[in-house]
Amino acid sequence: MTVIASQPISGLQSELDQAIYSGVVRILRLWMIAIPALGLVTWVFQLFDESLKPLQHRLLLLIAGAFVFNAINLLLLQRSRPGQWSARLLQALGLVYPLVTPVLLVVIIADVRPDELRTWVGSSIPQLQLLMIAASLFGFTFWVSFSAGLISAVIYLFICFFVPDPYRPDTPHIIESAVYLLTAGAIAGKGASESRNLVSKVVESIKSHEFLSRLLGAYVSEEVKERIMEQGLNLKGEECEVTVLFSDLRDFTSLSEKLSPVTVVDILNLYFERMVQIISEEGGVVDKFMGDAIMAYFGAPVSLPAPRRSAVQAALRMHKELQTLNETLNSDFGIRLRAGVGLHHGRVVMGNIGSNTRRDFTIIGDTVNIAARLESMTSKTGSWLILSKEVEMGLEEKQRQELHSLEELTLKGRKQPVVCFGRQEQKDD
């Protein structure tokens, strides 16, 4: 079996590249707001404390430089395409460049406020580095975040090594902080990796569901889609055993002549919506619509415990739902719809069939033809439902009792007559 997921996720890597690209762009845009905000706060502080002005002026220059670098990086990244090496390099720069800012910050503090250097090196710098490591999560890869932690730890040790003894934290404190930074990088990397896997699974699920909707049509239950994804699907073609259902509205053409085209379309859409929902709930797959006719099948591409029973149950529910719908149609438009249903069980060929420009996942074979012919006989036998002996054999006793035997029917295009059973209108229908 060809696993269904292999079909729709050929572009999964590009989807992930796009997701990572978008995440980094978002964080860079956030910094375009956060950096000026930090500069504003810094400027406000120096208004109230004259002693802070030398420090604040240096900090404002550092903030301005970070803003310009971030703006250029964001501009170049937006002009790159997701997945390109240039885009990945810019993404890495956008996430890692803040890691070197503590070095510049220490230089400023040492020059302007050396008395506060021990406090900055002991607590403020590691805390700032932890925030930068957290930002690396948007890289969605383990090694980006782990590298951020490793680089931060190395930079911190570098800072502590060159800071004069009076301002240097205790050695155990230095080692502890470096270990924390390295551990934070590993944890962030694990989180980034798990996030990437989650994004991958979400993208795969979405693409698989979209592919199944295109392949089997929109009218397939989520349960069937999930089971197909688990079991796989052979697109090249395979023989399988199914129960085919054909349903067609009787005399709808003459009825539609009394109504406007818009009304006809609205009525058909309403009819199809209700019928398809029932088919889906019974585990069937709608193959196609042909005018006012519906073709569906039960038992594939996902097997059912009793496809014959499911098909008959769907037909009975469709008939009952049509009676309910007719009450509305009779009240609004003065019309009543009648439908005939034909059922046959047998082997078919299932696959993705068509030309190079258009293919449909469908079933073909004599079983399909017989079901269609049985439906066409409903108007001649007085039975709204006709099913073959092959279907009747798989029914429960209660379902059999509701049927009546028909004479052997000779169907168009077939020499041998077909043993059939029918169901006429009943009071409880």
Protein backbone atom coordinates (compact mmCIF):
# COMPACT_ATOMS: atom_id res chain seq x y z
CA MET A 1 0.00 0.00 0.00
CA THR A 2 1.16 3.50 -0.76
CA VAL A 3 1.00 5.55 2.40
CA ILE A 4 -1.35 8.43 1.81
CA ALA A 5 0.80 10.87 3.78
CA SER A 6 3.64 10.51 1.27
CA GLN A 7 1.58 12.15 -1.42
CA PRO A 8 0.62 15.50 0.07
CA ILE A 9 3.80 16.31 1.99
CA SER A 10 6.32 16.42 -0.86
CA GLY A 11 6.59 20.13 -0.08
CA LEU A 12 6.70 19.63 3.69
CA GLN A 13 10.26 21.00 3.98
CA SER A 14 9.24 24.19 2.21
CA GLU A 15 6.29 24.49 4.56
CA LEU A 16 8.61 24.18 7.56
CA ASP A 17 11.06 26.68 6.07
CA GLN A 18 8.16 29.07 5.62
CA ALA A 19 7.03 28.54 9.22
CA ILE A 20 10.53 29.16 10.60
CA TYR A 21 11.01 32.16 8.32
CA SER A 22 7.71 33.65 9.47
CA GLY A 23 8.58 33.06 13.12
CA VAL A 24 11.92 34.86 12.86
CA VAL A 25 10.36 37.74 10.92
CA ARG A 26 7.78 38.10 13.68
CA ILE A 27 10.42 38.26 16.43
CA LEU A 28 12.49 40.78 14.46
CA ARG A 29 9.41 42.92 13.98
CA LEU A 30 8.75 42.63 17.70
CA TRP A 31 12.27 43.86 18.40
CA MET A 32 11.65 46.80 16.06
CA ILE A 33 9.07 47.88 18.63
CA ALA A 34 10.83 46.65 21.78
CA ILE A 35 14.20 48.28 21.08
CA PRO A 36 12.82 51.84 20.65
CA ALA A 37 10.63 51.25 23.71
CA LEU A 38 13.74 50.32 25.71
CA GLY A 39 15.46 53.44 24.41
CA LEU A 40 12.52 55.57 25.49
CA VAL A 41 12.57 54.09 29.00
CA THR A 42 16.33 54.69 29.20
CA TRP A 43 15.90 58.31 28.14
CA VAL A 44 13.10 58.90 30.67
CA PHE A 45 15.24 57.53 33.52
CA GLN A 46 18.07 59.94 32.83
CA LEU A 47 15.63 62.86 33.05
CA PHE A 48 15.12 62.12 36.74
CA ASP A 49 18.68 61.24 37.69
CA GLU A 50 21.48 63.45 36.42
CA SER A 51 24.08 60.95 37.58
CA LEU A 52 22.79 58.40 35.10
CA LYS A 53 23.31 60.62 32.04
CA PRO A 54 26.79 59.37 31.07
CA LEU A 55 25.61 55.77 31.33
CA GLN A 56 22.32 56.43 29.61
CA HIS A 57 24.00 58.18 26.68
CA ARG A 58 26.18 55.13 26.05
CA LEU A 59 23.20 52.82 26.43
CA LEU A 60 21.21 54.88 23.95
CA LEU A 61 24.05 54.57 21.43
CA LEU A 62 24.09 50.80 21.98
CA ILE A 63 20.31 50.62 21.59
CA ALA A 64 20.46 52.74 18.42
CA GLY A 65 23.11 50.44 16.96
CA ALA A 66 21.03 47.37 17.80
CA PHE A 67 18.00 48.98 16.18
CA VAL A 68 19.88 49.76 12.96
CA PHE A 69 21.37 46.26 12.80
CA ASN A 70 17.97 44.69 13.44
CA ALA A 71 16.30 46.89 10.80
CA ILE A 72 18.89 45.99 8.15
CA ASN A 73 18.67 42.31 9.04
CA LEU A 74 14.88 42.37 8.83
CA LEU A 75 14.95 44.22 5.49
CA LEU A 76 17.39 41.75 3.94
CA LEU A 77 15.50 38.78 5.36
CA GLN A 78 12.20 39.99 3.89
CA ARG A 79 13.90 40.21 0.48
CA SER A 80 15.12 36.62 0.77
CA ARG A 81 13.11 33.52 0.05
CA PRO A 82 12.40 30.97 2.79
CA GLY A 83 14.75 28.01 2.60
CA GLN A 84 17.60 29.82 0.83
CA TRP A 85 21.00 29.74 2.51
CA SER A 86 20.98 33.55 2.69
CA ALA A 87 17.64 33.51 4.50
CA ARG A 88 18.88 30.90 6.97
CA LEU A 89 22.04 32.93 7.61
CA LEU A 90 20.02 36.08 8.24
CA GLN A 91 17.69 34.13 10.52
CA ALA A 92 20.66 32.90 12.55
CA LEU A 93 22.11 36.43 12.76
CA GLY A 94 18.77 37.81 13.85
CA LEU A 95 18.56 35.31 16.68
CA VAL A 96 22.22 35.17 17.77
CA TYR A 97 23.49 38.75 17.46
CA PRO A 98 21.86 39.84 20.75
CA LEU A 99 24.12 37.33 22.51
CA VAL A 100 27.16 39.58 22.00
CA THR A 101 25.47 42.70 23.38
CA PRO A 102 26.39 41.80 27.00
CA VAL A 103 30.07 42.29 26.08
CA LEU A 104 29.39 45.82 24.87
CA LEU A 105 27.19 46.43 27.89
CA VAL A 106 29.97 45.39 30.28
CA VAL A 107 32.42 47.68 28.48
CA ILE A 108 30.02 50.60 28.95
CA ILE A 109 29.38 49.82 32.62
CA ALA A 110 33.10 49.37 33.35
CA ASP A 111 33.88 52.74 31.81
CA VAL A 112 31.02 54.79 33.27
CA ARG A 113 29.84 53.06 36.48
CA PRO A 114 32.54 50.59 37.56
CA ASP A 115 31.13 50.48 41.07
CA GLU A 116 28.04 48.71 39.69
CA LEU A 117 29.98 46.26 37.56
CA ARG A 118 29.86 43.42 40.11
CA THR A 119 26.05 43.62 40.27
CA TRP A 120 25.75 43.64 36.50
CA VAL A 121 28.13 40.74 35.97
CA GLY A 122 26.68 38.74 38.84
CA SER A 123 23.00 38.96 37.95
CA SER A 124 21.91 41.40 35.24
CA ILE A 125 24.10 40.00 32.45
CA PRO A 126 23.10 36.31 32.96
CA GLN A 127 19.44 37.30 33.17
CA LEU A 128 19.72 39.25 29.92
CA GLN A 129 21.43 36.28 28.28
CA LEU A 130 18.62 33.98 29.41
CA LEU A 131 16.12 36.23 27.64
CA MET A 132 18.21 36.07 24.47
CA ILE A 133 18.38 32.28 24.70
CA ALA A 134 14.60 32.16 25.05
CA ALA A 135 14.29 34.21 21.85
CA SER A 136 16.28 31.54 19.98
CA LEU A 137 13.27 29.22 20.32
CA PHE A 138 11.89 30.90 17.21
CA GLY A 139 14.66 29.19 15.23
CA PHE A 140 12.74 25.90 15.67
CA THR A 141 15.97 23.87 15.70
CA PHE A 142 17.85 22.26 18.57
CA TRP A 143 21.27 23.39 17.48
CA VAL A 144 20.34 27.08 17.14
CA SER A 145 19.09 27.21 20.72
CA PHE A 146 21.81 24.97 22.11
CA SER A 147 24.44 27.05 20.33
CA ALA A 148 22.86 30.17 21.80
CA GLY A 149 23.25 28.67 25.27
CA LEU A 150 26.81 27.55 24.59
CA ILE A 151 27.84 30.91 23.13
CA SER A 152 26.20 32.72 26.04
CA ALA A 153 28.09 30.56 28.55
CA VAL A 154 31.40 31.17 26.74
CA ILE A 155 30.75 34.91 26.51
CA TYR A 156 29.88 35.03 30.20
CA LEU A 157 33.09 33.22 31.14
CA PHE A 158 34.98 35.57 28.82
CA ILE A 159 33.44 38.60 30.55
CA CYS A 160 34.22 37.25 34.01
CA PHE A 161 37.81 36.45 33.01
CA PHE A 162 38.55 40.01 31.90
CA VAL A 163 36.65 41.80 34.66
CA PRO A 164 39.02 43.05 37.39
CA ASP A 165 39.05 40.99 40.59
CA PRO A 166 37.17 43.47 42.77
CA TYR A 167 34.19 43.34 40.43
CA ARG A 168 34.31 39.66 39.54
CA PRO A 169 31.72 37.32 41.11
CA ASP A 170 32.89 34.33 43.14
CA THR A 171 34.15 31.37 41.14
CA PRO A 172 31.28 29.03 42.22
CA HIS A 173 28.82 31.73 41.18
CA ILE A 174 30.51 32.08 37.78
CA ILE A 175 30.46 28.32 37.18
CA GLU A 176 26.86 28.05 38.35
CA SER A 177 25.74 30.85 36.01
CA ALA A 178 27.61 29.31 33.05
CA VAL A 179 26.01 25.93 33.73
CA TYR A 180 22.59 27.57 33.94
CA LEU A 181 23.12 29.25 30.57
CA LEU A 182 24.29 26.02 28.96
CA THR A 183 21.37 24.11 30.48
CA ALA A 184 18.94 26.80 29.36
CA GLY A 185 20.26 26.43 25.82
CA ALA A 186 19.76 22.66 25.93
CA ILE A 187 16.23 23.02 27.31
CA ALA A 188 15.39 25.70 24.75
CA GLY A 189 16.84 23.48 22.04
CA LYS A 190 14.67 20.57 23.14
CA GLY A 191 11.65 22.87 23.14
CA ALA A 192 12.56 24.20 19.71
CA SER A 193 12.98 20.66 18.37
CA GLU A 194 9.64 19.57 19.82
CA SER A 195 8.01 22.69 18.38
CA ARG A 196 9.46 21.88 14.97
CA ASN A 197 8.13 18.32 15.18
CA LEU A 198 4.74 19.65 16.22
CA VAL A 199 4.70 22.08 13.31
CA SER A 200 5.73 19.24 11.02
CA LYS A 201 2.89 17.04 12.25
CA VAL A 202 0.35 19.86 11.97
CA VAL A 203 1.47 20.70 8.44
CA GLU A 204 1.45 17.02 7.48
CA SER A 205 -2.04 16.57 8.90
CA ILE A 206 -3.39 19.67 7.16
CA LYS A 207 -1.81 18.75 3.82
CA SER A 208 -3.01 15.17 4.10
CA HIS A 209 -6.57 16.26 4.83
CA GLU A 210 -6.45 18.75 1.95
CA PHE A 211 -5.11 16.04 -0.35
CA LEU A 212 -7.82 13.59 0.70
CA SER A 213 -10.48 16.24 0.20
CA ARG A 214 -9.21 16.87 -3.34
CA LEU A 215 -8.87 13.16 -4.03
CA LEU A 216 -12.09 11.81 -2.55
CA GLY A 217 -14.09 15.02 -2.57
CA ALA A 218 -15.11 17.25 0.28
CA TYR A 219 -17.89 14.88 1.34
CA VAL A 220 -15.82 12.35 3.25
CA SER A 221 -16.19 12.01 7.00
CA GLU A 222 -13.25 12.87 9.22
CA GLU A 223 -13.33 9.31 10.57
CA VAL A 224 -12.84 7.89 7.08
CA LYS A 225 -10.02 10.36 6.39
CA GLU A 226 -8.24 9.40 9.60
CA ARG A 227 -8.56 5.69 8.86
CA ILE A 228 -7.26 6.19 5.32
CA MET A 229 -4.26 8.07 6.70
CA GLU A 230 -3.57 5.20 9.11
CA GLN A 231 -4.09 2.35 6.62
CA GLY A 232 -2.74 3.99 3.47
CA LEU A 233 -4.16 4.26 -0.02
CA ASN A 234 -3.03 2.77 -3.31
CA LEU A 235 -3.41 5.44 -5.98
CA LYS A 236 -2.18 3.26 -8.85
CA GLY A 237 -5.20 0.99 -8.77
CA GLU A 238 -6.37 -2.08 -6.93
CA GLU A 239 -9.29 -4.48 -6.98
CA CYS A 240 -11.62 -4.36 -4.01
CA GLU A 241 -15.12 -5.42 -2.98
CA VAL A 242 -17.70 -2.70 -2.34
CA THR A 243 -21.42 -1.99 -2.27
CA VAL A 244 -22.31 0.65 -4.85
CA LEU A 245 -25.23 3.04 -4.33
CA PHE A 246 -26.88 4.96 -7.17
CA SER A 247 -29.56 7.52 -6.37
CA ASP A 248 -31.39 9.62 -8.95
CA LEU A 249 -34.26 12.09 -8.73
CA ARG A 250 -37.27 11.12 -10.83
CA ASP A 251 -38.78 13.66 -13.23
CA PHE A 252 -36.63 16.43 -11.83
CA THR A 253 -36.07 17.91 -15.28
CA SER A 254 -39.78 18.58 -15.74
CA LEU A 255 -40.02 20.00 -12.21
CA SER A 256 -37.08 22.32 -12.80
CA GLU A 257 -38.80 23.86 -15.82
CA LYS A 258 -41.29 25.45 -13.42
CA LEU A 259 -38.55 27.08 -11.33
CA SER A 260 -35.84 29.66 -11.92
CA PRO A 261 -32.27 28.41 -12.46
CA VAL A 262 -31.19 29.91 -9.13
CA THR A 263 -33.97 28.09 -7.31
CA VAL A 264 -33.11 24.81 -9.04
CA VAL A 265 -29.49 25.09 -7.94
CA ASP A 266 -30.50 25.96 -4.38
CA ILE A 267 -32.86 22.97 -4.17
CA LEU A 268 -30.25 20.59 -5.55
CA ASN A 269 -27.59 21.87 -3.17
CA LEU A 270 -29.94 21.45 -0.22
CA TYR A 271 -30.86 17.94 -1.37
CA PHE A 272 -27.24 16.92 -1.94
CA GLU A 273 -26.13 18.35 1.40
CA ARG A 274 -28.61 16.24 3.35
CA MET A 275 -28.08 13.06 1.34
CA VAL A 276 -24.30 13.29 1.43
CA GLN A 277 -24.29 13.81 5.18
CA ILE A 278 -26.21 10.55 5.63
CA ILE A 279 -23.89 8.65 3.30
CA SER A 280 -20.88 9.99 5.17
CA GLU A 281 -22.36 9.11 8.56
CA GLU A 282 -22.90 5.53 7.39
CA GLY A 283 -19.26 5.21 6.34
CA GLY A 284 -19.75 5.68 2.62
CA VAL A 285 -17.77 7.74 0.13
CA VAL A 286 -19.50 9.97 -2.41
CA ASP A 287 -17.83 9.24 -5.73
CA LYS A 288 -19.48 11.87 -7.89
CA PHE A 289 -22.59 13.87 -8.75
CA MET A 290 -24.09 13.41 -12.21
CA GLY A 291 -26.76 16.01 -12.75
CA ASP A 292 -29.26 15.22 -10.01
CA ALA A 293 -27.82 11.73 -9.40
CA ILE A 294 -25.48 10.57 -6.64
CA MET A 295 -22.98 7.73 -6.91
CA ALA A 296 -21.45 6.43 -3.68
CA TYR A 297 -19.78 3.27 -2.43
CA PHE A 298 -19.29 1.47 0.88
CA GLY A 299 -16.42 -0.76 1.97
CA ALA A 300 -13.45 1.07 0.46
CA PRO A 301 -10.95 2.66 0.58
CA VAL A 302 -11.53 1.88 4.26
CA SER A 303 -13.15 -1.46 5.04
CA LEU A 304 -16.48 -1.61 6.88
CA PRO A 305 -17.77 -4.47 9.05
CA ALA A 306 -20.91 -4.81 6.91
CA PRO A 307 -20.87 -2.59 3.81
CA ARG A 308 -24.15 -4.04 2.47
CA ARG A 309 -26.01 -3.20 5.68
CA SER A 310 -24.45 0.26 5.78
CA ALA A 311 -25.51 0.94 2.19
CA VAL A 312 -29.10 -0.22 2.81
CA GLN A 313 -29.28 1.78 6.03
CA ALA A 314 -28.03 4.84 4.16
CA ALA A 315 -30.68 4.33 1.46
CA LEU A 316 -33.46 4.05 4.06
CA ARG A 317 -32.29 7.17 5.87
CA MET A 318 -31.98 9.08 2.59
CA HIS A 319 -35.54 8.14 1.68
CA LYS A 320 -36.86 9.25 5.07
CA GLU A 321 -34.90 12.50 4.93
CA LEU A 322 -36.32 13.21 1.49
CA GLN A 323 -39.83 13.00 2.91
CA THR A 324 -38.87 15.58 5.53
CA LEU A 325 -37.32 17.80 2.88
CA ASN A 326 -40.44 17.51 0.73
CA GLU A 327 -42.52 19.14 3.44
CA THR A 328 -40.42 22.28 3.10
CA LEU A 329 -40.28 22.14 -0.70
CA ASN A 330 -44.02 21.62 -0.99
CA SER A 331 -44.66 24.55 1.32
CA ASP A 332 -42.22 26.91 -0.39
CA PHE A 333 -42.38 25.87 -4.04
CA GLY A 334 -45.31 23.49 -4.38
CA ILE A 335 -43.14 20.57 -5.49
CA ARG A 336 -42.21 17.16 -4.11
CA LEU A 337 -39.10 15.20 -5.04
CA ARG A 338 -38.97 11.46 -5.63
CA ALA A 339 -35.79 9.44 -5.80
CA GLY A 340 -34.91 5.94 -6.90
CA VAL A 341 -32.01 3.99 -5.41
CA GLY A 342 -30.12 1.02 -6.83
CA LEU A 343 -27.65 -1.13 -4.86
CA HIS A 344 -25.25 -3.82 -6.00
CA HIS A 345 -22.32 -5.54 -4.31
CA GLY A 346 -19.26 -6.87 -6.09
CA ARG A 347 -15.68 -6.30 -7.12
CA VAL A 348 -14.49 -3.06 -8.68
CA VAL A 349 -11.23 -1.45 -9.71
CA MET A 350 -10.35 1.56 -7.58
CA GLY A 351 -7.69 4.09 -8.48
CA ASN A 352 -6.71 7.55 -9.63
CA ILE A 353 -8.11 7.50 -13.16
CA GLY A 354 -7.96 10.13 -15.89
CA SER A 355 -5.62 12.09 -18.14
CA ASN A 356 -2.39 13.89 -17.36
CA THR A 357 -4.30 17.13 -16.82
CA ARG A 358 -7.19 15.76 -14.77
CA ARG A 359 -7.61 12.65 -12.67
CA ASP A 360 -10.36 11.46 -10.37
CA PHE A 361 -10.10 8.88 -7.64
CA THR A 362 -13.02 6.63 -8.54
CA ILE A 363 -14.24 3.07 -9.01
CA ILE A 364 -15.05 1.34 -12.29
CA GLY A 365 -16.36 -2.07 -13.26
CA ASP A 366 -19.45 -4.14 -13.93
CA THR A 367 -20.63 -3.69 -10.33
CA VAL A 368 -20.98 0.05 -10.94
CA ASN A 369 -22.91 -0.50 -14.15
CA ILE A 370 -25.34 -2.95 -12.52
CA ALA A 371 -26.07 -0.55 -9.64
CA ALA A 372 -26.84 2.21 -12.14
CA ARG A 373 -29.10 -0.10 -14.18
CA LEU A 374 -30.97 -1.21 -11.04
CA GLU A 375 -31.67 2.40 -10.14
CA SER A 376 -33.06 3.03 -13.62
CA MET A 377 -35.51 0.14 -13.10
CA THR A 378 -37.11 1.72 -10.00
CA SER A 379 -39.50 3.80 -12.11
CA LYS A 380 -40.73 0.63 -13.89
CA THR A 381 -41.24 -1.64 -10.90
CA GLY A 382 -42.99 0.66 -8.43
CA SER A 383 -40.16 0.23 -5.92
CA TRP A 384 -38.11 3.22 -4.85
CA LEU A 385 -35.30 0.85 -3.83
CA ILE A 386 -33.96 -2.08 -5.83
CA LEU A 387 -31.05 -4.18 -4.69
CA SER A 388 -29.42 -7.29 -6.08
CA LYS A 389 -29.22 -10.75 -4.55
CA GLU A 390 -25.55 -10.03 -3.81
CA VAL A 391 -26.62 -7.21 -1.49
CA GLU A 392 -29.55 -9.09 0.05
CA MET A 393 -27.25 -11.94 1.10
CA GLY A 394 -25.36 -9.68 3.51
CA LEU A 395 -28.36 -8.14 5.28
CA GLU A 396 -29.79 -8.82 8.69
CA GLU A 397 -33.08 -10.71 8.94
CA LYS A 398 -34.97 -7.55 9.87
CA GLN A 399 -33.70 -5.77 6.78
CA ARG A 400 -34.65 -8.75 4.60
CA GLN A 401 -38.19 -8.81 5.95
CA GLU A 402 -38.76 -5.25 4.76
CA LEU A 403 -38.00 -6.27 1.17
CA HIS A 404 -40.11 -8.05 -1.39
CA SER A 405 -38.85 -10.32 -4.12
CA LEU A 406 -38.93 -9.01 -7.68
CA GLU A 407 -38.94 -11.10 -10.78
CA GLU A 408 -35.58 -11.53 -12.40
CA LEU A 409 -34.79 -8.28 -14.16
CA THR A 410 -33.09 -8.12 -17.51
CA LEU A 411 -30.84 -5.11 -17.44
CA LYS A 412 -29.69 -3.12 -20.42
CA GLY A 413 -26.41 -4.43 -21.79
CA ARG A 414 -26.64 -7.77 -19.96
CA LYS A 415 -27.81 -11.12 -21.29
CA GLN A 416 -28.27 -12.84 -17.95
CA PRO A 417 -31.16 -11.61 -15.77
CA VAL A 418 -30.40 -10.34 -12.26
CA VAL A 419 -32.19 -11.62 -9.15
CA CYS A 420 -33.47 -8.53 -7.33
CA PHE A 421 -35.38 -7.37 -4.30
CA GLY A 422 -37.29 -4.14 -3.83
CA ARG A 423 -38.88 -1.91 -1.27
CA GLN A 424 -42.03 0.07 -1.94
CA GLU A 425 -43.43 3.09 -0.18
CA GLN A 426 -44.61 2.19 3.32
CA LYS A 427 -46.51 4.10 5.96
CA ASP A 428 -43.40 4.47 8.12
CA ASP A 429 -41.20 5.61 5.20
